[in-house]
């Protein structure tokens, strides 16, 4: 699958979205009628809301990846190992005492 695209869930359907759409009450990820009211015409806030809309797919992919990594961390912690992200991409397992995650 392409990077950033959602892998199919059970039954071949993509997983449900993690980030919700805004509405008339809440501005979510730069979407929803409430965003205009929240910005109050401020150009910087409007620009940031637009950036949030444009980055939504990447933000959701990052959120999903972090959640998946947390599940792996819990599993391997029980085995005394730690999942460490490599600088160039990918992951390695290390003994828990040695594992330093990339920041």
N, C-alpha and C. Protein backbone atom coordinates (compact mmCIF):
# COMPACT_ATOMS: atom_id res chain seq x y z
N UNK A 1 0.83 -1.18 0.00
CA UNK A 1 0.00 0.00 0.00
C UNK A 1 0.87 1.24 0.00
N UNK A 2 0.37 2.33 -0.54
CA UNK A 2 1.11 3.58 -0.61
C UNK A 2 1.26 4.18 0.77
N UNK A 3 2.35 4.89 0.98
CA UNK A 3 2.56 5.57 2.26
C UNK A 3 1.48 6.62 2.45
N UNK A 4 0.89 6.66 3.64
CA UNK A 4 -0.15 7.63 3.94
C UNK A 4 -1.55 7.13 3.64
N UNK A 5 -1.66 6.04 2.87
CA UNK A 5 -2.99 5.52 2.61
C UNK A 5 -3.35 4.53 3.71
N UNK A 6 -4.62 4.36 3.94
CA UNK A 6 -5.06 3.47 5.00
C UNK A 6 -5.06 2.03 4.53
N UNK A 7 -4.51 1.12 5.32
CA UNK A 7 -4.60 -0.29 4.96
C UNK A 7 -6.04 -0.77 5.15
N UNK A 8 -6.45 -1.76 4.37
CA UNK A 8 -7.81 -2.26 4.53
C UNK A 8 -8.02 -2.90 5.90
N UNK A 9 -9.17 -2.69 6.47
CA UNK A 9 -9.53 -3.33 7.73
C UNK A 9 -10.20 -4.66 7.40
N UNK A 10 -10.67 -5.33 8.41
CA UNK A 10 -11.38 -6.59 8.19
C UNK A 10 -12.50 -6.39 7.19
N UNK A 11 -12.65 -7.31 6.28
CA UNK A 11 -13.70 -7.20 5.27
C UNK A 11 -13.29 -6.35 4.09
N UNK A 12 -12.00 -5.91 4.03
CA UNK A 12 -11.52 -5.14 2.90
C UNK A 12 -11.86 -3.66 2.93
N UNK A 13 -12.54 -3.20 3.98
CA UNK A 13 -12.88 -1.78 4.08
C UNK A 13 -11.77 -1.02 4.78
N UNK A 14 -11.54 0.26 4.42
CA UNK A 14 -10.54 1.04 5.15
C UNK A 14 -11.02 1.28 6.57
N UNK A 15 -10.09 1.47 7.52
CA UNK A 15 -10.50 1.72 8.90
C UNK A 15 -11.25 3.05 8.99
N UNK A 16 -12.05 3.22 10.01
CA UNK A 16 -12.78 4.48 10.17
C UNK A 16 -11.80 5.62 10.41
N UNK A 17 -12.18 6.83 10.05
CA UNK A 17 -11.29 7.97 10.27
C UNK A 17 -11.08 8.22 11.76
N UNK A 18 -9.89 8.65 12.10
CA UNK A 18 -9.57 8.98 13.49
C UNK A 18 -9.92 10.43 13.81
N UNK A 19 -9.81 11.29 12.82
CA UNK A 19 -10.07 12.70 13.01
C UNK A 19 -11.47 13.03 12.51
N UNK A 20 -12.24 13.69 13.32
CA UNK A 20 -13.61 13.97 12.91
C UNK A 20 -13.74 15.32 12.23
N UNK A 21 -14.86 15.50 11.54
CA UNK A 21 -15.16 16.76 10.88
C UNK A 21 -15.77 17.74 11.88
N UNK A 22 -15.49 19.01 11.65
CA UNK A 22 -16.10 20.04 12.48
C UNK A 22 -17.56 20.23 12.11
N UNK A 23 -18.24 21.05 12.88
CA UNK A 23 -19.65 21.34 12.63
C UNK A 23 -19.92 22.78 13.04
N UNK A 24 -21.16 23.10 13.29
CA UNK A 24 -21.50 24.48 13.64
C UNK A 24 -21.07 24.85 15.06
N UNK A 25 -20.72 23.86 15.86
CA UNK A 25 -20.32 24.10 17.25
C UNK A 25 -18.80 23.98 17.43
N UNK A 26 -18.19 23.02 16.73
CA UNK A 26 -16.77 22.73 16.93
C UNK A 26 -15.98 22.90 15.64
N UNK A 27 -14.82 23.53 15.74
CA UNK A 27 -13.87 23.62 14.64
C UNK A 27 -12.89 22.46 14.82
N UNK A 28 -12.94 21.49 13.92
CA UNK A 28 -12.09 20.30 14.02
C UNK A 28 -11.21 20.22 12.79
N UNK A 29 -9.89 20.22 12.99
CA UNK A 29 -8.94 20.07 11.89
C UNK A 29 -9.17 21.10 10.79
N UNK A 30 -9.58 22.29 11.18
CA UNK A 30 -9.81 23.36 10.22
C UNK A 30 -11.10 23.23 9.45
N UNK A 31 -11.99 22.30 9.86
CA UNK A 31 -13.26 22.12 9.15
C UNK A 31 -14.42 22.47 10.07
N UNK A 32 -15.52 22.85 9.46
CA UNK A 32 -16.73 23.16 10.20
C UNK A 32 -17.02 24.65 10.23
N UNK A 33 -18.29 24.97 10.29
CA UNK A 33 -18.74 26.36 10.31
C UNK A 33 -18.20 27.11 11.53
N UNK A 34 -17.93 26.41 12.60
CA UNK A 34 -17.43 27.05 13.82
C UNK A 34 -16.02 27.64 13.62
N UNK A 35 -15.31 27.20 12.60
CA UNK A 35 -13.95 27.72 12.37
C UNK A 35 -13.98 29.21 12.03
N UNK A 36 -14.94 29.62 11.20
CA UNK A 36 -15.03 31.04 10.86
C UNK A 36 -15.27 31.89 12.09
N UNK A 37 -16.16 31.43 12.95
CA UNK A 37 -16.46 32.17 14.18
C UNK A 37 -15.25 32.19 15.10
N UNK A 38 -14.53 31.07 15.18
CA UNK A 38 -13.36 30.99 16.06
C UNK A 38 -12.24 31.91 15.58
N UNK A 39 -12.10 32.05 14.26
CA UNK A 39 -11.02 32.88 13.70
C UNK A 39 -11.30 34.37 13.88
N UNK A 40 -12.56 34.74 13.94
CA UNK A 40 -12.96 36.14 14.07
C UNK A 40 -12.25 37.04 13.06
N UNK A 41 -12.05 36.51 11.85
CA UNK A 41 -11.43 37.29 10.79
C UNK A 41 -9.92 37.43 10.90
N UNK A 42 -9.30 36.83 11.88
CA UNK A 42 -7.85 36.91 12.07
C UNK A 42 -7.15 36.12 10.96
N UNK A 43 -6.31 36.82 10.18
CA UNK A 43 -5.65 36.20 9.03
C UNK A 43 -4.75 35.04 9.43
N UNK A 44 -4.04 35.17 10.54
CA UNK A 44 -3.16 34.08 10.99
C UNK A 44 -3.97 32.84 11.34
N UNK A 45 -5.06 33.01 12.09
CA UNK A 45 -5.90 31.87 12.47
C UNK A 45 -6.49 31.22 11.22
N UNK A 46 -6.97 32.02 10.28
CA UNK A 46 -7.51 31.47 9.03
C UNK A 46 -6.45 30.68 8.28
N UNK A 47 -5.22 31.19 8.26
CA UNK A 47 -4.12 30.49 7.59
C UNK A 47 -3.82 29.16 8.28
N UNK A 48 -3.81 29.15 9.60
CA UNK A 48 -3.55 27.93 10.36
C UNK A 48 -4.68 26.90 10.16
N UNK A 49 -5.92 27.37 10.09
CA UNK A 49 -7.04 26.46 9.83
C UNK A 49 -6.90 25.84 8.45
N UNK A 50 -6.49 26.63 7.47
CA UNK A 50 -6.29 26.11 6.12
C UNK A 50 -5.17 25.07 6.12
N UNK A 51 -4.10 25.34 6.83
CA UNK A 51 -2.99 24.38 6.93
C UNK A 51 -3.47 23.08 7.56
N UNK A 52 -4.32 23.18 8.59
CA UNK A 52 -4.87 21.98 9.23
C UNK A 52 -5.69 21.16 8.24
N UNK A 53 -6.50 21.85 7.43
CA UNK A 53 -7.30 21.13 6.42
C UNK A 53 -6.38 20.41 5.43
N UNK A 54 -5.34 21.10 4.98
CA UNK A 54 -4.43 20.52 3.98
C UNK A 54 -3.60 19.37 4.56
N UNK A 55 -3.29 19.44 5.84
CA UNK A 55 -2.46 18.41 6.48
C UNK A 55 -3.27 17.28 7.11
N UNK A 56 -4.55 17.30 6.95
CA UNK A 56 -5.42 16.34 7.63
C UNK A 56 -5.06 14.88 7.35
N UNK A 57 -4.81 14.54 6.10
CA UNK A 57 -4.49 13.14 5.75
C UNK A 57 -3.18 12.73 6.43
N UNK A 58 -2.17 13.60 6.36
CA UNK A 58 -0.89 13.28 6.99
C UNK A 58 -1.04 13.21 8.52
N UNK A 59 -1.81 14.12 9.09
CA UNK A 59 -2.02 14.11 10.55
C UNK A 59 -2.71 12.82 10.98
N UNK A 60 -3.69 12.39 10.21
CA UNK A 60 -4.40 11.15 10.56
C UNK A 60 -3.47 9.95 10.42
N UNK A 61 -2.65 9.92 9.37
CA UNK A 61 -1.70 8.82 9.19
C UNK A 61 -0.71 8.78 10.35
N UNK A 62 -0.22 9.94 10.79
CA UNK A 62 0.70 9.99 11.93
C UNK A 62 0.04 9.54 13.22
N UNK A 63 -1.20 9.93 13.42
CA UNK A 63 -1.94 9.51 14.61
C UNK A 63 -2.14 8.01 14.61
N UNK A 64 -2.53 7.45 13.47
CA UNK A 64 -2.73 6.00 13.35
C UNK A 64 -1.41 5.26 13.60
N UNK A 65 -0.31 5.77 13.04
CA UNK A 65 1.00 5.13 13.21
C UNK A 65 1.41 5.15 14.68
N UNK A 66 1.20 6.28 15.37
CA UNK A 66 1.54 6.35 16.79
C UNK A 66 0.72 5.36 17.61
N UNK A 67 -0.57 5.24 17.30
CA UNK A 67 -1.41 4.29 18.03
C UNK A 67 -0.95 2.86 17.79
N UNK A 68 -0.62 2.53 16.55
CA UNK A 68 -0.14 1.18 16.24
C UNK A 68 1.18 0.91 16.95
N UNK A 69 2.08 1.88 16.95
CA UNK A 69 3.37 1.71 17.62
C UNK A 69 3.20 1.51 19.12
N UNK A 70 2.23 2.19 19.73
CA UNK A 70 1.99 2.01 21.16
C UNK A 70 1.56 0.58 21.46
N UNK A 71 0.76 0.00 20.57
CA UNK A 71 0.35 -1.40 20.77
C UNK A 71 1.56 -2.34 20.67
N UNK A 72 2.43 -2.10 19.69
CA UNK A 72 3.65 -2.90 19.57
C UNK A 72 4.54 -2.72 20.79
N UNK A 73 4.67 -1.47 21.27
CA UNK A 73 5.49 -1.21 22.44
C UNK A 73 5.00 -2.03 23.64
N UNK A 74 3.69 -2.06 23.86
CA UNK A 74 3.13 -2.82 24.98
C UNK A 74 3.45 -4.31 24.84
N UNK A 75 3.30 -4.85 23.64
CA UNK A 75 3.54 -6.28 23.40
C UNK A 75 5.01 -6.62 23.67
N UNK A 76 5.92 -5.87 23.05
CA UNK A 76 7.33 -6.20 23.18
C UNK A 76 7.89 -5.86 24.56
N UNK A 77 7.30 -4.90 25.26
CA UNK A 77 7.72 -4.59 26.62
C UNK A 77 7.54 -5.82 27.51
N UNK A 78 6.45 -6.56 27.29
CA UNK A 78 6.21 -7.78 28.06
C UNK A 78 7.28 -8.83 27.79
N UNK A 79 7.96 -8.73 26.65
CA UNK A 79 9.03 -9.66 26.29
C UNK A 79 10.41 -9.10 26.61
N UNK A 80 10.45 -7.92 27.26
CA UNK A 80 11.72 -7.32 27.63
C UNK A 80 12.43 -6.63 26.48
N UNK A 81 11.68 -6.28 25.43
CA UNK A 81 12.28 -5.63 24.27
C UNK A 81 11.57 -4.31 23.99
N UNK A 82 12.23 -3.47 23.19
CA UNK A 82 11.67 -2.17 22.84
C UNK A 82 11.77 -1.99 21.34
N UNK A 83 10.71 -1.46 20.72
CA UNK A 83 10.70 -1.14 19.30
C UNK A 83 11.32 0.24 19.15
N UNK A 84 12.35 0.34 18.30
CA UNK A 84 13.06 1.61 18.09
C UNK A 84 12.98 1.97 16.62
N UNK A 85 12.54 3.20 16.34
CA UNK A 85 12.46 3.69 14.97
C UNK A 85 13.86 4.06 14.50
N UNK A 86 14.25 3.57 13.33
CA UNK A 86 15.57 3.87 12.77
C UNK A 86 15.54 5.22 12.06
N UNK A 87 16.69 5.88 12.01
CA UNK A 87 16.80 7.19 11.37
C UNK A 87 16.30 7.19 9.93
N UNK A 88 16.70 6.19 9.15
CA UNK A 88 16.32 6.15 7.74
C UNK A 88 14.96 5.53 7.47
N UNK A 89 14.21 5.21 8.52
CA UNK A 89 12.91 4.56 8.37
C UNK A 89 13.01 3.11 8.79
N UNK A 90 11.93 2.54 9.14
CA UNK A 90 11.90 1.16 9.61
C UNK A 90 12.10 1.09 11.11
N UNK A 91 12.11 -0.13 11.63
CA UNK A 91 12.18 -0.35 13.06
C UNK A 91 13.11 -1.50 13.37
N UNK A 92 13.67 -1.50 14.58
CA UNK A 92 14.46 -2.61 15.08
C UNK A 92 14.02 -2.90 16.50
N UNK A 93 14.29 -4.13 16.96
CA UNK A 93 14.03 -4.50 18.35
C UNK A 93 15.34 -4.47 19.11
N UNK A 94 15.27 -3.91 20.32
CA UNK A 94 16.45 -3.85 21.18
C UNK A 94 16.04 -4.28 22.58
N UNK A 95 16.99 -4.76 23.36
CA UNK A 95 16.67 -5.03 24.76
C UNK A 95 16.14 -3.75 25.40
N UNK A 96 15.17 -3.86 26.26
CA UNK A 96 14.49 -2.69 26.81
C UNK A 96 15.43 -1.67 27.43
N UNK A 97 16.47 -2.08 28.12
CA UNK A 97 17.37 -1.15 28.78
C UNK A 97 18.17 -0.31 27.79
N UNK A 98 18.39 -0.81 26.56
CA UNK A 98 19.19 -0.09 25.57
C UNK A 98 18.40 0.79 24.64
N UNK A 99 17.10 0.54 24.50
CA UNK A 99 16.30 1.21 23.48
C UNK A 99 16.13 2.69 23.73
N UNK A 100 16.62 3.50 22.84
CA UNK A 100 16.41 4.94 22.88
C UNK A 100 15.64 5.31 21.63
N UNK A 101 14.46 5.88 21.80
CA UNK A 101 13.66 6.20 20.63
C UNK A 101 14.16 7.47 19.97
N UNK A 102 14.02 7.53 18.67
CA UNK A 102 14.42 8.69 17.87
C UNK A 102 13.47 9.83 18.15
N UNK A 103 13.98 11.01 18.33
CA UNK A 103 13.13 12.20 18.57
C UNK A 103 13.14 13.09 17.37
